[in-house]
Amino acid sequence: MKRGWQVAAVALLATFVFFVFESYRLSLRDALGPGPGFFPFWLGMLAAALAIVLLAQLRLDRVDLGSEPLAFDRAGAANAALVLAGLIAGTALLEVAGFRISMLLLLPYLLLILGVRNRVAVGIFALVGSFGVYHLFSEMLKVPLPVGAFGF
């Protein structure tokens, strides 16, 4: 069990080091403040530091790995496959239906797959996550998001 955690931590560390390297190739600063590489660089540095801490804790046996062996969970695998299918469908729908409609369909689907049963919370989250986020990015931050073939 410990060897698996070590391999996973090293893989995460390698991934975060790659992110740091690639984001450092972008500008960390521009005329207005932080550049396009600023946040990915520092997030990668923080994540790499956390991966190193995890490796150190594993080395010093400070992590409780549990005594039960990992077992395959059929329901968990089915949920993971359904989430992946939803993300693929949502991505494919972005160009056709636009950001607002695709997120309005994707967010409730994902929440229901993950077990959220409060319909009011799902509805509010879907509306804010689709129309609210679109308004924030397109109107306030001036970041263009896909509007779809119908212009909506």
N, C-alpha and C. Protein backbone atom coordinates (compact mmCIF):
# COMPACT_ATOMS: atom_id res chain seq x y z
N MET A 1 0.82 -1.19 0.00
CA MET A 1 0.00 0.00 0.00
C MET A 1 0.87 1.26 0.00
N LYS A 2 1.94 1.23 0.78
CA LYS A 2 2.82 2.39 0.87
C LYS A 2 3.50 2.67 -0.46
N ARG A 3 3.91 1.63 -1.16
CA ARG A 3 4.59 1.81 -2.45
C ARG A 3 3.66 2.49 -3.46
N GLY A 4 2.38 2.14 -3.45
CA GLY A 4 1.42 2.78 -4.35
C GLY A 4 1.28 4.26 -4.07
N TRP A 5 1.22 4.63 -2.80
CA TRP A 5 1.14 6.04 -2.44
C TRP A 5 2.42 6.78 -2.88
N GLN A 6 3.55 6.14 -2.73
CA GLN A 6 4.80 6.77 -3.14
C GLN A 6 4.84 6.99 -4.65
N VAL A 7 4.41 6.00 -5.39
CA VAL A 7 4.38 6.13 -6.85
C VAL A 7 3.42 7.26 -7.26
N ALA A 8 2.26 7.31 -6.61
CA ALA A 8 1.29 8.36 -6.93
C ALA A 8 1.84 9.73 -6.59
N ALA A 9 2.52 9.86 -5.45
CA ALA A 9 3.09 11.15 -5.05
C ALA A 9 4.19 11.58 -6.01
N VAL A 10 5.02 10.65 -6.45
CA VAL A 10 6.08 10.99 -7.42
C VAL A 10 5.46 11.39 -8.76
N ALA A 11 4.40 10.70 -9.18
CA ALA A 11 3.72 11.06 -10.43
C ALA A 11 3.11 12.46 -10.32
N LEU A 12 2.50 12.76 -9.18
CA LEU A 12 1.95 14.10 -8.98
C LEU A 12 3.07 15.15 -8.99
N LEU A 13 4.16 14.86 -8.32
CA LEU A 13 5.29 15.79 -8.30
C LEU A 13 5.81 16.04 -9.70
N ALA A 14 5.95 14.99 -10.50
CA ALA A 14 6.42 15.16 -11.88
C ALA A 14 5.44 16.01 -12.70
N THR A 15 4.16 15.79 -12.50
CA THR A 15 3.15 16.57 -13.21
C THR A 15 3.23 18.04 -12.82
N PHE A 16 3.37 18.32 -11.53
CA PHE A 16 3.41 19.71 -11.08
C PHE A 16 4.70 20.40 -11.49
N VAL A 17 5.80 19.67 -11.51
CA VAL A 17 7.05 20.25 -12.00
C VAL A 17 6.91 20.61 -13.47
N PHE A 18 6.26 19.76 -14.24
CA PHE A 18 5.99 20.06 -15.65
C PHE A 18 5.15 21.33 -15.78
N PHE A 19 4.09 21.46 -14.95
CA PHE A 19 3.26 22.67 -14.97
C PHE A 19 4.09 23.91 -14.65
N VAL A 20 4.96 23.81 -13.65
CA VAL A 20 5.80 24.95 -13.29
C VAL A 20 6.72 25.31 -14.45
N PHE A 21 7.33 24.32 -15.06
CA PHE A 21 8.23 24.57 -16.20
C PHE A 21 7.49 25.24 -17.35
N GLU A 22 6.33 24.70 -17.71
CA GLU A 22 5.57 25.26 -18.83
C GLU A 22 5.02 26.65 -18.52
N SER A 23 4.56 26.88 -17.31
CA SER A 23 4.02 28.20 -16.98
C SER A 23 5.13 29.24 -16.86
N TYR A 24 6.34 28.81 -16.49
CA TYR A 24 7.46 29.74 -16.42
C TYR A 24 7.87 30.24 -17.80
N ARG A 25 7.56 29.47 -18.81
CA ARG A 25 7.84 29.90 -20.19
C ARG A 25 6.92 31.03 -20.61
N LEU A 26 5.78 31.17 -19.93
CA LEU A 26 4.88 32.30 -20.17
C LEU A 26 5.36 33.49 -19.34
N SER A 27 4.81 34.63 -19.63
CA SER A 27 5.17 35.82 -18.87
C SER A 27 4.52 35.77 -17.49
N LEU A 28 5.32 35.98 -16.46
CA LEU A 28 4.78 36.01 -15.11
C LEU A 28 4.21 37.39 -14.77
N ARG A 29 4.64 38.41 -15.51
CA ARG A 29 4.14 39.77 -15.29
C ARG A 29 3.89 40.42 -16.63
N ASP A 30 2.94 41.36 -16.62
CA ASP A 30 2.74 42.20 -17.79
C ASP A 30 2.49 43.62 -17.30
N ALA A 31 2.08 44.50 -18.19
CA ALA A 31 1.93 45.91 -17.83
C ALA A 31 0.84 46.15 -16.79
N LEU A 32 -0.15 45.29 -16.73
CA LEU A 32 -1.26 45.47 -15.80
C LEU A 32 -1.10 44.72 -14.49
N GLY A 33 -0.11 43.87 -14.37
CA GLY A 33 0.08 43.09 -13.15
C GLY A 33 0.50 41.67 -13.48
N PRO A 34 -0.14 40.69 -12.85
CA PRO A 34 0.23 39.30 -13.11
C PRO A 34 -0.03 38.91 -14.57
N GLY A 35 0.93 38.21 -15.15
CA GLY A 35 0.79 37.76 -16.52
C GLY A 35 0.10 36.41 -16.61
N PRO A 36 0.03 35.84 -17.81
CA PRO A 36 -0.69 34.58 -17.99
C PRO A 36 -0.02 33.38 -17.31
N GLY A 37 1.25 33.47 -16.97
CA GLY A 37 1.92 32.36 -16.32
C GLY A 37 1.98 32.47 -14.81
N PHE A 38 1.50 33.58 -14.24
CA PHE A 38 1.64 33.84 -12.81
C PHE A 38 0.91 32.80 -11.96
N PHE A 39 -0.39 32.67 -12.16
CA PHE A 39 -1.17 31.75 -11.33
C PHE A 39 -0.82 30.29 -11.57
N PRO A 40 -0.66 29.84 -12.83
CA PRO A 40 -0.25 28.44 -13.00
C PRO A 40 1.11 28.14 -12.38
N PHE A 41 2.02 29.12 -12.45
CA PHE A 41 3.35 28.92 -11.87
C PHE A 41 3.26 28.72 -10.37
N TRP A 42 2.57 29.62 -9.69
CA TRP A 42 2.51 29.54 -8.23
C TRP A 42 1.63 28.39 -7.74
N LEU A 43 0.59 28.07 -8.47
CA LEU A 43 -0.22 26.91 -8.10
C LEU A 43 0.59 25.62 -8.28
N GLY A 44 1.38 25.55 -9.34
CA GLY A 44 2.24 24.40 -9.56
C GLY A 44 3.31 24.28 -8.48
N MET A 45 3.87 25.43 -8.06
CA MET A 45 4.87 25.43 -6.99
C MET A 45 4.25 24.94 -5.67
N LEU A 46 3.05 25.44 -5.35
CA LEU A 46 2.38 25.02 -4.13
C LEU A 46 2.05 23.53 -4.17
N ALA A 47 1.52 23.07 -5.29
CA ALA A 47 1.17 21.66 -5.41
C ALA A 47 2.41 20.77 -5.36
N ALA A 48 3.50 21.20 -5.97
CA ALA A 48 4.75 20.43 -5.92
C ALA A 48 5.26 20.37 -4.48
N ALA A 49 5.17 21.47 -3.75
CA ALA A 49 5.59 21.48 -2.35
C ALA A 49 4.74 20.51 -1.53
N LEU A 50 3.44 20.49 -1.79
CA LEU A 50 2.57 19.56 -1.07
C LEU A 50 2.88 18.11 -1.43
N ALA A 51 3.24 17.85 -2.67
CA ALA A 51 3.63 16.49 -3.06
C ALA A 51 4.93 16.08 -2.36
N ILE A 52 5.84 17.02 -2.20
CA ILE A 52 7.09 16.73 -1.48
C ILE A 52 6.80 16.45 0.00
N VAL A 53 5.87 17.23 0.59
CA VAL A 53 5.48 16.99 1.99
C VAL A 53 4.87 15.60 2.12
N LEU A 54 4.02 15.23 1.16
CA LEU A 54 3.41 13.89 1.20
C LEU A 54 4.48 12.80 1.11
N LEU A 55 5.44 12.99 0.23
CA LEU A 55 6.53 12.02 0.12
C LEU A 55 7.32 11.91 1.42
N ALA A 56 7.58 13.05 2.05
CA ALA A 56 8.32 13.04 3.32
C ALA A 56 7.51 12.33 4.40
N GLN A 57 6.21 12.59 4.46
CA GLN A 57 5.37 11.93 5.46
C GLN A 57 5.32 10.42 5.22
N LEU A 58 5.27 10.03 3.96
CA LEU A 58 5.29 8.60 3.65
C LEU A 58 6.63 7.98 4.06
N ARG A 59 7.69 8.69 3.82
CA ARG A 59 9.02 8.18 4.17
C ARG A 59 9.18 8.01 5.67
N LEU A 60 8.58 8.95 6.43
CA LEU A 60 8.71 8.91 7.89
C LEU A 60 7.58 8.13 8.57
N ASP A 61 6.74 7.49 7.78
CA ASP A 61 5.60 6.71 8.29
C ASP A 61 4.65 7.56 9.13
N ARG A 62 4.38 8.78 8.70
CA ARG A 62 3.47 9.67 9.43
C ARG A 62 2.07 9.68 8.84
N VAL A 63 1.83 8.87 7.82
CA VAL A 63 0.53 8.81 7.16
C VAL A 63 -0.14 7.50 7.52
N ASP A 64 -1.40 7.59 7.99
CA ASP A 64 -2.16 6.38 8.29
C ASP A 64 -2.79 5.88 7.00
N LEU A 65 -2.28 4.79 6.48
CA LEU A 65 -2.77 4.26 5.22
C LEU A 65 -3.95 3.32 5.40
N GLY A 66 -4.33 3.06 6.63
CA GLY A 66 -5.45 2.16 6.87
C GLY A 66 -5.00 0.72 6.81
N SER A 67 -5.82 -0.13 7.38
CA SER A 67 -5.46 -1.55 7.41
C SER A 67 -6.23 -2.36 6.38
N GLU A 68 -7.29 -1.78 5.82
CA GLU A 68 -8.09 -2.52 4.84
C GLU A 68 -7.48 -2.38 3.45
N PRO A 69 -7.42 -3.48 2.72
CA PRO A 69 -6.94 -3.37 1.33
C PRO A 69 -7.98 -2.66 0.46
N LEU A 70 -7.51 -2.04 -0.58
CA LEU A 70 -8.42 -1.38 -1.51
C LEU A 70 -9.22 -2.43 -2.27
N ALA A 71 -10.49 -2.14 -2.44
CA ALA A 71 -11.37 -3.06 -3.16
C ALA A 71 -12.06 -2.31 -4.28
N PHE A 72 -12.35 -3.01 -5.34
CA PHE A 72 -13.05 -2.43 -6.47
C PHE A 72 -14.50 -2.18 -6.08
N ASP A 73 -14.98 -0.98 -6.34
CA ASP A 73 -16.35 -0.61 -6.04
C ASP A 73 -17.08 -0.39 -7.36
N ARG A 74 -18.00 -1.28 -7.67
CA ARG A 74 -18.71 -1.21 -8.94
C ARG A 74 -19.53 0.07 -9.07
N ALA A 75 -20.20 0.50 -8.00
CA ALA A 75 -21.01 1.72 -8.05
C ALA A 75 -20.13 2.95 -8.26
N GLY A 76 -18.97 2.99 -7.59
CA GLY A 76 -18.04 4.10 -7.77
C GLY A 76 -17.50 4.17 -9.20
N ALA A 77 -17.18 3.02 -9.76
CA ALA A 77 -16.69 2.99 -11.14
C ALA A 77 -17.78 3.43 -12.12
N ALA A 78 -19.02 3.03 -11.86
CA ALA A 78 -20.12 3.46 -12.72
C ALA A 78 -20.32 4.96 -12.64
N ASN A 79 -20.24 5.52 -11.42
CA ASN A 79 -20.36 6.98 -11.27
C ASN A 79 -19.23 7.70 -11.99
N ALA A 80 -18.01 7.19 -11.88
CA ALA A 80 -16.88 7.81 -12.56
C ALA A 80 -17.08 7.78 -14.08
N ALA A 81 -17.58 6.67 -14.60
CA ALA A 81 -17.83 6.57 -16.05
C ALA A 81 -18.94 7.53 -16.47
N LEU A 82 -19.98 7.67 -15.66
CA LEU A 82 -21.06 8.60 -15.98
C LEU A 82 -20.59 10.06 -15.94
N VAL A 83 -19.74 10.39 -14.97
CA VAL A 83 -19.19 11.74 -14.91
C VAL A 83 -18.32 12.01 -16.13
N LEU A 84 -17.48 11.06 -16.49
CA LEU A 84 -16.63 11.22 -17.68
C LEU A 84 -17.48 11.38 -18.93
N ALA A 85 -18.53 10.59 -19.07
CA ALA A 85 -19.42 10.71 -20.23
C ALA A 85 -20.09 12.08 -20.25
N GLY A 86 -20.51 12.57 -19.10
CA GLY A 86 -21.13 13.88 -19.02
C GLY A 86 -20.17 15.00 -19.41
N LEU A 87 -18.92 14.89 -18.96
CA LEU A 87 -17.92 15.90 -19.31
C LEU A 87 -17.62 15.89 -20.81
N ILE A 88 -17.56 14.71 -21.39
CA ILE A 88 -17.34 14.61 -22.84
C ILE A 88 -18.52 15.21 -23.60
N ALA A 89 -19.73 14.88 -23.18
CA ALA A 89 -20.92 15.42 -23.84
C ALA A 89 -21.00 16.93 -23.67
N GLY A 90 -20.69 17.42 -22.47
CA GLY A 90 -20.71 18.87 -22.23
C GLY A 90 -19.70 19.60 -23.08
N THR A 91 -18.53 19.02 -23.24
CA THR A 91 -17.50 19.63 -24.07
C THR A 91 -17.93 19.64 -25.54
N ALA A 92 -18.52 18.56 -25.99
CA ALA A 92 -18.99 18.49 -27.38
C ALA A 92 -20.14 19.47 -27.62
N LEU A 93 -20.94 19.71 -26.61
CA LEU A 93 -22.09 20.58 -26.74
C LEU A 93 -21.73 22.06 -26.68
N LEU A 94 -20.54 22.39 -26.19
CA LEU A 94 -20.15 23.79 -26.01
C LEU A 94 -20.25 24.60 -27.31
N GLU A 95 -19.68 24.10 -28.38
CA GLU A 95 -19.67 24.87 -29.62
C GLU A 95 -21.04 24.96 -30.27
N VAL A 96 -21.85 23.94 -30.09
CA VAL A 96 -23.17 23.92 -30.72
C VAL A 96 -24.18 24.75 -29.93
N ALA A 97 -24.28 24.51 -28.64
CA ALA A 97 -25.30 25.16 -27.82
C ALA A 97 -24.79 26.37 -27.08
N GLY A 98 -23.50 26.54 -26.97
CA GLY A 98 -22.94 27.66 -26.23
C GLY A 98 -22.70 27.29 -24.77
N PHE A 99 -21.99 28.18 -24.09
CA PHE A 99 -21.61 27.93 -22.71
C PHE A 99 -22.82 27.84 -21.79
N ARG A 100 -23.73 28.80 -21.91
CA ARG A 100 -24.85 28.87 -20.97
C ARG A 100 -25.73 27.63 -21.01
N ILE A 101 -26.11 27.20 -22.20
CA ILE A 101 -27.01 26.06 -22.33
C ILE A 101 -26.29 24.76 -21.96
N SER A 102 -25.05 24.60 -22.43
CA SER A 102 -24.34 23.36 -22.12
C SER A 102 -24.09 23.22 -20.62
N MET A 103 -23.75 24.31 -19.94
CA MET A 103 -23.55 24.24 -18.49
C MET A 103 -24.87 24.07 -17.76
N LEU A 104 -25.94 24.67 -18.30
CA LEU A 104 -27.25 24.50 -17.68
C LEU A 104 -27.70 23.04 -17.72
N LEU A 105 -27.26 22.30 -18.72
CA LEU A 105 -27.58 20.87 -18.80
C LEU A 105 -26.56 20.01 -18.04
N LEU A 106 -25.30 20.39 -18.12
CA LEU A 106 -24.24 19.57 -17.53
C LEU A 106 -24.23 19.62 -16.00
N LEU A 107 -24.37 20.80 -15.42
CA LEU A 107 -24.24 20.92 -13.97
C LEU A 107 -25.29 20.12 -13.19
N PRO A 108 -26.57 20.19 -13.54
CA PRO A 108 -27.52 19.34 -12.80
C PRO A 108 -27.26 17.85 -13.00
N TYR A 109 -26.86 17.48 -14.21
CA TYR A 109 -26.54 16.08 -14.48
C TYR A 109 -25.43 15.60 -13.54
N LEU A 110 -24.34 16.38 -13.45
CA LEU A 110 -23.23 15.99 -12.60
C LEU A 110 -23.63 15.94 -11.14
N LEU A 111 -24.40 16.93 -10.69
CA LEU A 111 -24.83 16.94 -9.29
C LEU A 111 -25.71 15.74 -8.96
N LEU A 112 -26.60 15.39 -9.86
CA LEU A 112 -27.46 14.23 -9.61
C LEU A 112 -26.67 12.93 -9.62
N ILE A 113 -25.70 12.82 -10.51
CA ILE A 113 -24.84 11.63 -10.55
C ILE A 113 -24.07 11.50 -9.23
N LEU A 114 -23.63 12.64 -8.69
CA LEU A 114 -22.82 12.62 -7.47
C LEU A 114 -23.66 12.52 -6.21
N GLY A 115 -24.98 12.46 -6.35
CA GLY A 115 -25.83 12.18 -5.20
C GLY A 115 -26.54 13.34 -4.56
N VAL A 116 -26.48 14.53 -5.14
CA VAL A 116 -27.19 15.67 -4.58
C VAL A 116 -28.67 15.51 -4.91
N ARG A 117 -29.51 15.59 -3.90
CA ARG A 117 -30.94 15.35 -4.11
C ARG A 117 -31.81 16.58 -3.85
N ASN A 118 -31.25 17.66 -3.37
CA ASN A 118 -32.00 18.88 -3.11
C ASN A 118 -32.22 19.60 -4.44
N ARG A 119 -33.44 19.53 -4.95
CA ARG A 119 -33.74 20.08 -6.27
C ARG A 119 -33.57 21.60 -6.32
N VAL A 120 -33.89 22.27 -5.24
CA VAL A 120 -33.73 23.73 -5.21
C VAL A 120 -32.25 24.10 -5.32
N ALA A 121 -31.41 23.42 -4.56
CA ALA A 121 -29.97 23.69 -4.60
C ALA A 121 -29.41 23.37 -5.98
N VAL A 122 -29.85 22.28 -6.57
CA VAL A 122 -29.38 21.91 -7.91
C VAL A 122 -29.79 22.97 -8.92
N GLY A 123 -31.02 23.44 -8.84
CA GLY A 123 -31.50 24.47 -9.77
C GLY A 123 -30.75 25.78 -9.62
N ILE A 124 -30.56 26.21 -8.39
CA ILE A 124 -29.83 27.47 -8.16
C ILE A 124 -28.39 27.34 -8.64
N PHE A 125 -27.76 26.23 -8.31
CA PHE A 125 -26.37 26.02 -8.73
C PHE A 125 -26.26 25.99 -10.25
N ALA A 126 -27.21 25.35 -10.92
CA ALA A 126 -27.17 25.27 -12.38
C ALA A 126 -27.35 26.65 -13.00
N LEU A 127 -28.27 27.44 -12.49
CA LEU A 127 -28.50 28.79 -13.03
C LEU A 127 -27.30 29.70 -12.79
N VAL A 128 -26.79 29.69 -11.58
CA VAL A 128 -25.64 30.54 -11.27
C VAL A 128 -24.40 30.05 -12.01
N GLY A 129 -24.23 28.73 -12.08
CA GLY A 129 -23.06 28.17 -12.76
C GLY A 129 -23.08 28.33 -14.26
N SER A 130 -24.24 28.52 -14.84
CA SER A 130 -24.31 28.72 -16.29
C SER A 130 -24.44 30.19 -16.64
N PHE A 131 -25.54 30.81 -16.28
CA PHE A 131 -25.77 32.20 -16.66
C PHE A 131 -24.92 33.18 -15.84
N GLY A 132 -24.77 32.90 -14.54
CA GLY A 132 -23.96 33.78 -13.70
C GLY A 132 -22.50 33.79 -14.10
N VAL A 133 -21.94 32.61 -14.30
CA VAL A 133 -20.53 32.53 -14.69
C VAL A 133 -20.33 33.12 -16.08
N TYR A 134 -21.29 32.89 -16.99
CA TYR A 134 -21.17 33.49 -18.32
C TYR A 134 -21.14 35.02 -18.21
N HIS A 135 -22.05 35.58 -17.42
CA HIS A 135 -22.10 37.03 -17.26
C HIS A 135 -20.80 37.55 -16.64
N LEU A 136 -20.31 36.87 -15.62
CA LEU A 136 -19.08 37.29 -14.97
C LEU A 136 -17.92 37.32 -15.95
N PHE A 137 -17.75 36.25 -16.73
CA PHE A 137 -16.61 36.18 -17.63
C PHE A 137 -16.78 37.06 -18.86
N SER A 138 -17.96 37.05 -19.48
CA SER A 138 -18.10 37.77 -20.74
C SER A 138 -18.31 39.27 -20.53
N GLU A 139 -19.10 39.66 -19.54
CA GLU A 139 -19.41 41.08 -19.36
C GLU A 139 -18.41 41.78 -18.46
N MET A 140 -18.08 41.18 -17.34
CA MET A 140 -17.23 41.86 -16.38
C MET A 140 -15.74 41.68 -16.65
N LEU A 141 -15.33 40.47 -16.99
CA LEU A 141 -13.92 40.20 -17.23
C LEU A 141 -13.53 40.29 -18.71
N LYS A 142 -14.52 40.41 -19.57
CA LYS A 142 -14.30 40.53 -21.02
C LYS A 142 -13.56 39.33 -21.60
N VAL A 143 -13.89 38.14 -21.10
CA VAL A 143 -13.33 36.90 -21.63
C VAL A 143 -14.41 36.26 -22.50
N PRO A 144 -14.13 36.09 -23.78
CA PRO A 144 -15.17 35.51 -24.65
C PRO A 144 -15.40 34.03 -24.36
N LEU A 145 -16.66 33.68 -24.22
CA LEU A 145 -17.07 32.29 -24.06
C LEU A 145 -17.95 31.92 -25.24
N PRO A 146 -18.03 30.64 -25.59
CA PRO A 146 -18.84 30.24 -26.75
C PRO A 146 -20.31 30.59 -26.55
N VAL A 147 -20.91 31.17 -27.60
CA VAL A 147 -22.34 31.50 -27.53
C VAL A 147 -23.19 30.49 -28.28
N GLY A 148 -22.59 29.66 -29.09
CA GLY A 148 -23.34 28.61 -29.78
C GLY A 148 -23.81 29.04 -31.15
N ALA A 149 -24.37 28.08 -31.86
CA ALA A 149 -24.81 28.32 -33.23
C ALA A 149 -26.05 29.22 -33.29
N PHE A 150 -26.82 29.25 -32.20
CA PHE A 150 -28.04 30.04 -32.18
C PHE A 150 -27.83 31.43 -31.62
N GLY A 151 -26.60 31.78 -31.24
CA GLY A 151 -26.31 33.11 -30.73
C GLY A 151 -26.75 33.31 -29.29
N PHE A 152 -27.02 32.24 -28.58
CA PHE A 152 -27.47 32.37 -27.19
C PHE A 152 -26.55 31.59 -26.28
